[in-house]
Amino acid sequence: MKEATNDAKQGFSITGSFDRITVKEKLNKEDGSYTKKYLVSFIVRTDKDTEIFAVRTKTPELYGNLKVGQSYTLQIYPRVFNGQLYFFDAI
C-alpha cells in the first residue's frame, strides 16, 4: 500500500515573470559608508490586476541566468516593519 506524500514546501511562494535585479544604496550617516540592497523584481498578472513584487535577496547572482519575461516560482518570507510589507527570498 502506498503512503500519501507531498513534496511541496510549506510557506508562501509567488509565480511571475522575471523583470530585473535592482540595487539600492543607503548611506550610513555615522561613518559615511554605503550599504547595498539587492531586489529581484517579478511581474505577477491576474485576471483583474498586474503587480510588481520586489523581493529582497542577499544572493543576486543566483538570478543572473534568468531572462526577462521568464516564468519563475520563488519561495518568499513576508515581513512587516512600521506598517510596510516586505518580501525576502528563502535562499
Protein backbone atom coordinates (compact mmCIF):
# COMPACT_ATOMS: atom_id res chain seq x y z
CA MET A 1 0.00 0.00 0.00
CA LYS A 2 1.36 3.43 -0.97
CA GLU A 3 1.53 6.25 1.53
CA ALA A 4 0.42 9.73 0.63
CA THR A 5 3.37 12.07 0.19
CA ASN A 6 3.59 15.74 -0.58
CA ASP A 7 6.96 17.06 -1.72
CA ALA A 8 5.81 20.68 -1.90
CA LYS A 9 7.37 23.04 0.62
CA GLN A 10 5.17 24.81 3.10
CA GLY A 11 5.08 28.59 3.12
CA PHE A 12 4.50 31.40 0.68
CA SER A 13 5.62 31.50 -2.91
CA ILE A 14 4.99 33.72 -5.91
CA THR A 15 4.96 32.79 -9.56
CA GLY A 16 5.58 35.56 -12.01
CA SER A 17 7.65 36.86 -14.87
CA PHE A 18 11.20 37.85 -14.02
CA ASP A 19 11.70 41.58 -14.66
CA ARG A 20 15.09 42.75 -13.34
CA ILE A 21 17.57 42.94 -10.49
CA THR A 22 17.99 46.38 -8.95
CA VAL A 23 20.50 47.71 -6.45
CA LYS A 24 19.65 50.38 -3.89
CA GLU A 25 22.35 52.07 -1.88
CA LYS A 26 21.73 53.52 1.56
CA LEU A 27 24.11 55.99 3.21
CA ASN A 28 25.16 55.21 6.76
CA LYS A 29 25.26 58.64 8.43
CA GLU A 30 27.56 57.53 11.23
CA ASP A 31 30.59 56.54 9.17
CA GLY A 32 29.71 57.70 5.64
CA SER A 33 29.73 54.19 4.16
CA TYR A 34 27.12 52.78 1.81
CA THR A 35 25.08 49.61 2.21
CA LYS A 36 23.74 47.84 -0.88
CA LYS A 37 20.33 46.18 -1.01
CA TYR A 38 19.54 43.84 -3.90
CA LEU A 39 15.95 43.50 -5.12
CA VAL A 40 14.64 40.94 -7.61
CA SER A 41 11.53 42.22 -9.39
CA PHE A 42 8.75 39.95 -10.62
CA ILE A 43 5.65 40.92 -12.59
CA VAL A 44 2.60 38.98 -11.39
CA ARG A 45 -0.51 39.15 -13.56
CA THR A 46 -4.01 38.07 -12.58
CA ASP A 47 -7.37 38.41 -14.31
CA LYS A 48 -8.01 41.76 -12.62
CA ASP A 49 -4.62 43.24 -11.83
CA THR A 50 -0.89 43.42 -12.54
CA GLU A 51 1.53 43.84 -9.64
CA ILE A 52 5.28 44.21 -9.40
CA PHE A 53 6.83 42.42 -6.42
CA ALA A 54 10.31 43.47 -5.33
CA VAL A 55 11.87 40.64 -3.33
CA ARG A 56 14.98 41.41 -1.30
CA THR A 57 17.86 38.97 -1.71
CA LYS A 58 21.37 38.54 -0.38
CA THR A 59 22.38 36.38 -3.34
CA PRO A 60 21.58 38.24 -6.60
CA GLU A 61 24.00 36.07 -8.57
CA LEU A 62 21.53 33.16 -8.31
CA TYR A 63 19.11 35.06 -10.57
CA GLY A 64 21.69 36.09 -13.17
CA ASN A 65 20.70 33.28 -15.55
CA LEU A 66 17.02 34.29 -15.73
CA LYS A 67 15.80 36.09 -18.84
CA VAL A 68 13.33 38.98 -18.82
CA GLY A 69 9.81 37.56 -19.07
CA GLN A 70 10.82 34.08 -17.95
CA SER A 71 8.28 32.45 -15.63
CA TYR A 72 9.70 31.60 -12.22
CA THR A 73 8.35 30.43 -8.86
CA LEU A 74 10.11 31.82 -5.80
CA GLN A 75 9.57 30.86 -2.17
CA ILE A 76 9.38 34.01 -0.07
CA TYR A 77 9.25 35.15 3.54
CA PRO A 78 6.99 38.13 4.17
CA ARG A 79 7.97 40.60 6.91
CA VAL A 80 6.28 43.69 8.32
CA PHE A 81 8.17 46.72 9.63
CA ASN A 82 6.50 50.00 10.57
CA GLY A 83 3.32 49.01 8.75
CA GLN A 84 5.11 48.16 5.48
CA LEU A 85 5.13 44.68 3.99
CA TYR A 86 8.49 43.39 2.72
CA PHE A 87 9.41 40.18 0.93
CA PHE A 88 12.68 38.23 1.28
CA ASP A 89 13.73 35.19 -0.69
CA ALA A 90 14.13 31.87 1.09
CA ILE A 91 17.55 31.18 -0.40
